[in-house]
Amino acid sequence: MKGARGGSNGCDGRLSRASTRREAGTATIVVELPEDATVSELLVALTKRGGGLVALLPACAVAIGDRIVGPGETISAELAHDVALLPPVAGG
């Protein structure tokens, strides 16, 4: 997808827990985003894809590299391959 800023960014998201992999039906999702897209734009793109993952998205944290990031964080082209959805985890 050609972005408003003139480029595109293939975001390669990893699904790090069994629950997100199961709902998505895969361990990796590739989403085409505008260059320097935000996490919020990624979440909108994932929502538009539909499927079982959509129900988990509001509870998931997003990590870029080794940092948990907020919705306004830019996904740089250099780190677009290292985006992960992290669902809540319960343990005992």
N, C-alpha and C. Protein backbone atom coordinates (compact mmCIF):
# COMPACT_ATOMS: atom_id res chain seq x y z
N MET A 1 0.86 -1.17 0.00
CA MET A 1 0.00 0.00 0.00
C MET A 1 0.90 1.23 0.00
N LYS A 2 0.62 2.16 -0.88
CA LYS A 2 1.38 3.41 -0.94
C LYS A 2 0.85 4.34 0.13
N GLY A 3 1.75 4.86 0.93
CA GLY A 3 1.34 5.71 2.04
C GLY A 3 1.25 7.17 1.66
N ALA A 4 0.58 7.95 2.49
CA ALA A 4 0.42 9.38 2.27
C ALA A 4 1.77 10.10 2.31
N ARG A 5 2.75 9.49 2.99
CA ARG A 5 4.07 10.11 3.08
C ARG A 5 4.98 9.62 1.96
N GLY A 6 4.42 8.92 0.99
CA GLY A 6 5.15 8.55 -0.20
C GLY A 6 5.86 7.21 -0.16
N GLY A 7 5.80 6.48 0.90
CA GLY A 7 6.47 5.19 0.98
C GLY A 7 5.55 4.14 1.52
N SER A 8 6.11 2.96 1.71
CA SER A 8 5.33 1.92 2.36
C SER A 8 6.23 1.20 3.33
N ASN A 9 5.61 0.57 4.29
CA ASN A 9 6.32 -0.08 5.36
C ASN A 9 5.67 -1.43 5.57
N GLY A 10 6.35 -2.51 5.21
CA GLY A 10 5.82 -3.84 5.46
C GLY A 10 6.07 -4.20 6.91
N CYS A 11 5.06 -4.16 7.71
CA CYS A 11 5.19 -4.45 9.14
C CYS A 11 5.00 -5.94 9.34
N ASP A 12 6.00 -6.58 9.89
CA ASP A 12 6.01 -8.02 10.10
C ASP A 12 5.79 -8.29 11.57
N GLY A 13 4.55 -8.47 11.98
CA GLY A 13 4.22 -8.62 13.40
C GLY A 13 4.31 -10.05 13.87
N ARG A 14 4.93 -10.25 15.03
CA ARG A 14 5.02 -11.56 15.64
C ARG A 14 3.93 -11.68 16.69
N LEU A 15 3.35 -12.84 16.76
CA LEU A 15 2.33 -13.12 17.76
C LEU A 15 2.99 -14.03 18.79
N SER A 16 3.24 -13.48 19.96
CA SER A 16 4.15 -14.14 20.89
C SER A 16 3.52 -15.17 21.81
N ARG A 17 2.23 -15.25 21.91
CA ARG A 17 1.60 -16.21 22.80
C ARG A 17 0.67 -17.12 22.01
N ALA A 18 0.46 -18.28 22.55
CA ALA A 18 -0.40 -19.27 21.87
C ALA A 18 -1.79 -18.72 21.60
N SER A 19 -2.32 -17.90 22.52
CA SER A 19 -3.69 -17.39 22.32
C SER A 19 -3.78 -16.50 21.09
N THR A 20 -2.80 -15.63 20.87
CA THR A 20 -2.86 -14.76 19.69
C THR A 20 -2.56 -15.55 18.42
N ARG A 21 -1.64 -16.49 18.48
CA ARG A 21 -1.36 -17.33 17.30
C ARG A 21 -2.58 -18.14 16.92
N ARG A 22 -3.26 -18.69 17.92
CA ARG A 22 -4.45 -19.51 17.65
C ARG A 22 -5.54 -18.67 17.00
N GLU A 23 -5.80 -17.49 17.55
CA GLU A 23 -6.87 -16.63 17.02
C GLU A 23 -6.54 -16.12 15.62
N ALA A 24 -5.28 -15.85 15.35
CA ALA A 24 -4.88 -15.34 14.03
C ALA A 24 -4.71 -16.46 13.02
N GLY A 25 -4.49 -17.69 13.51
CA GLY A 25 -4.27 -18.81 12.61
C GLY A 25 -2.85 -18.85 12.05
N THR A 26 -1.95 -18.06 12.63
CA THR A 26 -0.56 -17.99 12.16
C THR A 26 0.31 -17.39 13.25
N ALA A 27 1.62 -17.55 13.14
CA ALA A 27 2.54 -16.96 14.12
C ALA A 27 3.04 -15.59 13.67
N THR A 28 2.89 -15.28 12.39
CA THR A 28 3.36 -14.01 11.85
C THR A 28 2.31 -13.42 10.93
N ILE A 29 2.10 -12.12 11.05
CA ILE A 29 1.19 -11.40 10.16
C ILE A 29 1.98 -10.29 9.50
N VAL A 30 1.90 -10.18 8.19
CA VAL A 30 2.54 -9.10 7.46
C VAL A 30 1.46 -8.11 7.04
N VAL A 31 1.64 -6.85 7.41
CA VAL A 31 0.68 -5.80 7.11
C VAL A 31 1.41 -4.67 6.40
N GLU A 32 0.88 -4.22 5.27
CA GLU A 32 1.46 -3.07 4.58
C GLU A 32 0.90 -1.80 5.21
N LEU A 33 1.79 -0.93 5.66
CA LEU A 33 1.41 0.32 6.30
C LEU A 33 2.12 1.48 5.62
N PRO A 34 1.61 2.69 5.78
CA PRO A 34 2.33 3.86 5.28
C PRO A 34 3.68 3.96 5.98
N GLU A 35 4.63 4.56 5.31
CA GLU A 35 5.95 4.80 5.90
C GLU A 35 5.78 5.57 7.21
N ASP A 36 6.50 5.17 8.24
CA ASP A 36 6.44 5.79 9.57
C ASP A 36 5.03 5.77 10.15
N ALA A 37 4.32 4.67 9.94
CA ALA A 37 2.98 4.50 10.52
C ALA A 37 3.09 4.39 12.04
N THR A 38 1.99 4.64 12.71
CA THR A 38 1.96 4.52 14.17
C THR A 38 1.39 3.16 14.58
N VAL A 39 1.58 2.84 15.83
CA VAL A 39 1.00 1.61 16.39
C VAL A 39 -0.52 1.65 16.23
N SER A 40 -1.12 2.80 16.43
CA SER A 40 -2.56 2.93 16.25
C SER A 40 -2.98 2.54 14.84
N GLU A 41 -2.23 2.98 13.84
CA GLU A 41 -2.53 2.62 12.45
C GLU A 41 -2.38 1.12 12.23
N LEU A 42 -1.40 0.51 12.88
CA LEU A 42 -1.24 -0.94 12.80
C LEU A 42 -2.46 -1.65 13.38
N LEU A 43 -2.92 -1.20 14.54
CA LEU A 43 -4.07 -1.84 15.17
C LEU A 43 -5.34 -1.68 14.33
N VAL A 44 -5.50 -0.53 13.67
CA VAL A 44 -6.64 -0.34 12.77
C VAL A 44 -6.54 -1.32 11.60
N ALA A 45 -5.34 -1.48 11.03
CA ALA A 45 -5.15 -2.40 9.90
C ALA A 45 -5.45 -3.84 10.33
N LEU A 46 -5.02 -4.22 11.52
CA LEU A 46 -5.30 -5.57 12.01
C LEU A 46 -6.79 -5.77 12.26
N THR A 47 -7.46 -4.75 12.76
CA THR A 47 -8.90 -4.83 12.98
C THR A 47 -9.64 -5.02 11.66
N LYS A 48 -9.20 -4.32 10.62
CA LYS A 48 -9.83 -4.44 9.31
C LYS A 48 -9.66 -5.83 8.71
N ARG A 49 -8.60 -6.54 9.10
CA ARG A 49 -8.39 -7.91 8.61
C ARG A 49 -9.46 -8.86 9.12
N GLY A 50 -10.04 -8.52 10.29
CA GLY A 50 -11.08 -9.36 10.86
C GLY A 50 -10.52 -10.61 11.52
N GLY A 51 -11.38 -11.53 11.80
CA GLY A 51 -10.98 -12.79 12.41
C GLY A 51 -10.98 -12.73 13.93
N GLY A 52 -10.60 -13.83 14.54
CA GLY A 52 -10.63 -13.97 15.98
C GLY A 52 -9.66 -13.07 16.72
N LEU A 53 -8.60 -12.65 16.06
CA LEU A 53 -7.61 -11.79 16.70
C LEU A 53 -8.20 -10.44 17.11
N VAL A 54 -9.19 -9.97 16.39
CA VAL A 54 -9.80 -8.66 16.65
C VAL A 54 -10.29 -8.56 18.09
N ALA A 55 -10.87 -9.61 18.63
CA ALA A 55 -11.38 -9.58 19.99
C ALA A 55 -10.27 -9.44 21.03
N LEU A 56 -9.06 -9.91 20.70
CA LEU A 56 -7.93 -9.83 21.63
C LEU A 56 -7.20 -8.49 21.58
N LEU A 57 -7.29 -7.78 20.47
CA LEU A 57 -6.48 -6.56 20.28
C LEU A 57 -6.62 -5.53 21.39
N PRO A 58 -7.83 -5.24 21.90
CA PRO A 58 -7.92 -4.22 22.95
C PRO A 58 -7.14 -4.56 24.22
N ALA A 59 -6.92 -5.84 24.47
CA ALA A 59 -6.20 -6.25 25.67
C ALA A 59 -4.71 -6.45 25.45
N CYS A 60 -4.28 -6.41 24.21
CA CYS A 60 -2.87 -6.66 23.89
C CYS A 60 -2.02 -5.42 24.06
N ALA A 61 -0.81 -5.63 24.53
CA ALA A 61 0.22 -4.59 24.49
C ALA A 61 0.98 -4.78 23.18
N VAL A 62 1.67 -3.73 22.74
CA VAL A 62 2.47 -3.81 21.52
C VAL A 62 3.91 -3.50 21.89
N ALA A 63 4.82 -4.33 21.39
CA ALA A 63 6.24 -4.10 21.60
C ALA A 63 6.92 -3.89 20.25
N ILE A 64 7.84 -2.94 20.23
CA ILE A 64 8.71 -2.74 19.07
C ILE A 64 10.11 -2.97 19.59
N GLY A 65 10.78 -3.98 19.04
CA GLY A 65 12.07 -4.36 19.59
C GLY A 65 11.86 -4.90 20.99
N ASP A 66 12.56 -4.33 21.96
CA ASP A 66 12.41 -4.79 23.34
C ASP A 66 11.67 -3.80 24.22
N ARG A 67 10.90 -2.89 23.59
CA ARG A 67 10.16 -1.86 24.34
C ARG A 67 8.66 -2.00 24.12
N ILE A 68 7.90 -1.91 25.23
CA ILE A 68 6.44 -1.80 25.14
C ILE A 68 6.14 -0.36 24.73
N VAL A 69 5.29 -0.18 23.74
CA VAL A 69 5.03 1.16 23.21
C VAL A 69 3.54 1.48 23.21
N GLY A 70 3.23 2.75 23.14
CA GLY A 70 1.85 3.22 23.11
C GLY A 70 1.35 3.40 21.69
N PRO A 71 0.07 3.76 21.55
CA PRO A 71 -0.55 3.88 20.23
C PRO A 71 0.04 4.96 19.35
N GLY A 72 0.64 5.98 19.92
CA GLY A 72 1.21 7.07 19.12
C GLY A 72 2.63 6.82 18.65
N GLU A 73 3.22 5.71 19.07
CA GLU A 73 4.61 5.40 18.71
C GLU A 73 4.72 5.12 17.21
N THR A 74 5.73 5.68 16.59
CA THR A 74 5.98 5.44 15.17
C THR A 74 6.71 4.11 14.99
N ILE A 75 6.30 3.36 13.99
CA ILE A 75 6.97 2.11 13.64
C ILE A 75 7.95 2.42 12.52
N SER A 76 9.22 2.54 12.85
CA SER A 76 10.22 2.89 11.85
C SER A 76 10.44 1.71 10.91
N ALA A 77 10.88 2.01 9.70
CA ALA A 77 11.16 0.96 8.72
C ALA A 77 12.22 0.00 9.24
N GLU A 78 13.17 0.50 10.01
CA GLU A 78 14.24 -0.34 10.54
C GLU A 78 13.72 -1.39 11.53
N LEU A 79 12.65 -1.06 12.25
CA LEU A 79 12.13 -1.97 13.27
C LEU A 79 10.78 -2.59 12.90
N ALA A 80 10.31 -2.35 11.69
CA ALA A 80 8.99 -2.86 11.28
C ALA A 80 8.94 -4.39 11.31
N HIS A 81 10.08 -5.04 11.20
CA HIS A 81 10.13 -6.51 11.24
C HIS A 81 10.09 -7.04 12.68
N ASP A 82 10.16 -6.14 13.65
CA ASP A 82 10.27 -6.56 15.05
C ASP A 82 9.16 -5.98 15.92
N VAL A 83 7.92 -6.14 15.46
CA VAL A 83 6.74 -5.69 16.20
C VAL A 83 6.04 -6.94 16.73
N ALA A 84 5.66 -6.90 18.01
CA ALA A 84 5.01 -8.06 18.60
C ALA A 84 3.74 -7.64 19.32
N LEU A 85 2.71 -8.48 19.20
CA LEU A 85 1.48 -8.30 19.99
C LEU A 85 1.61 -9.18 21.22
N LEU A 86 1.40 -8.58 22.38
CA LEU A 86 1.56 -9.29 23.65
C LEU A 86 0.22 -9.32 24.38
N PRO A 87 -0.46 -10.47 24.40
CA PRO A 87 -1.73 -10.56 25.11
C PRO A 87 -1.48 -10.60 26.62
N PRO A 88 -2.51 -10.28 27.40
CA PRO A 88 -2.34 -10.38 28.85
C PRO A 88 -2.06 -11.84 29.24
N VAL A 89 -1.29 -12.00 30.27
CA VAL A 89 -0.90 -13.33 30.72
C VAL A 89 -1.34 -13.50 32.18
N ALA A 90 -1.88 -14.64 32.50
CA ALA A 90 -2.24 -14.94 33.88
C ALA A 90 -1.37 -16.12 34.34
N GLY A 91 -1.03 -16.12 35.56
CA GLY A 91 -0.21 -17.22 36.07
C GLY A 91 -0.46 -17.42 37.54
N GLY A 92 0.21 -18.35 38.08
CA GLY A 92 0.00 -18.61 39.49
C GLY A 92 1.22 -19.17 40.13
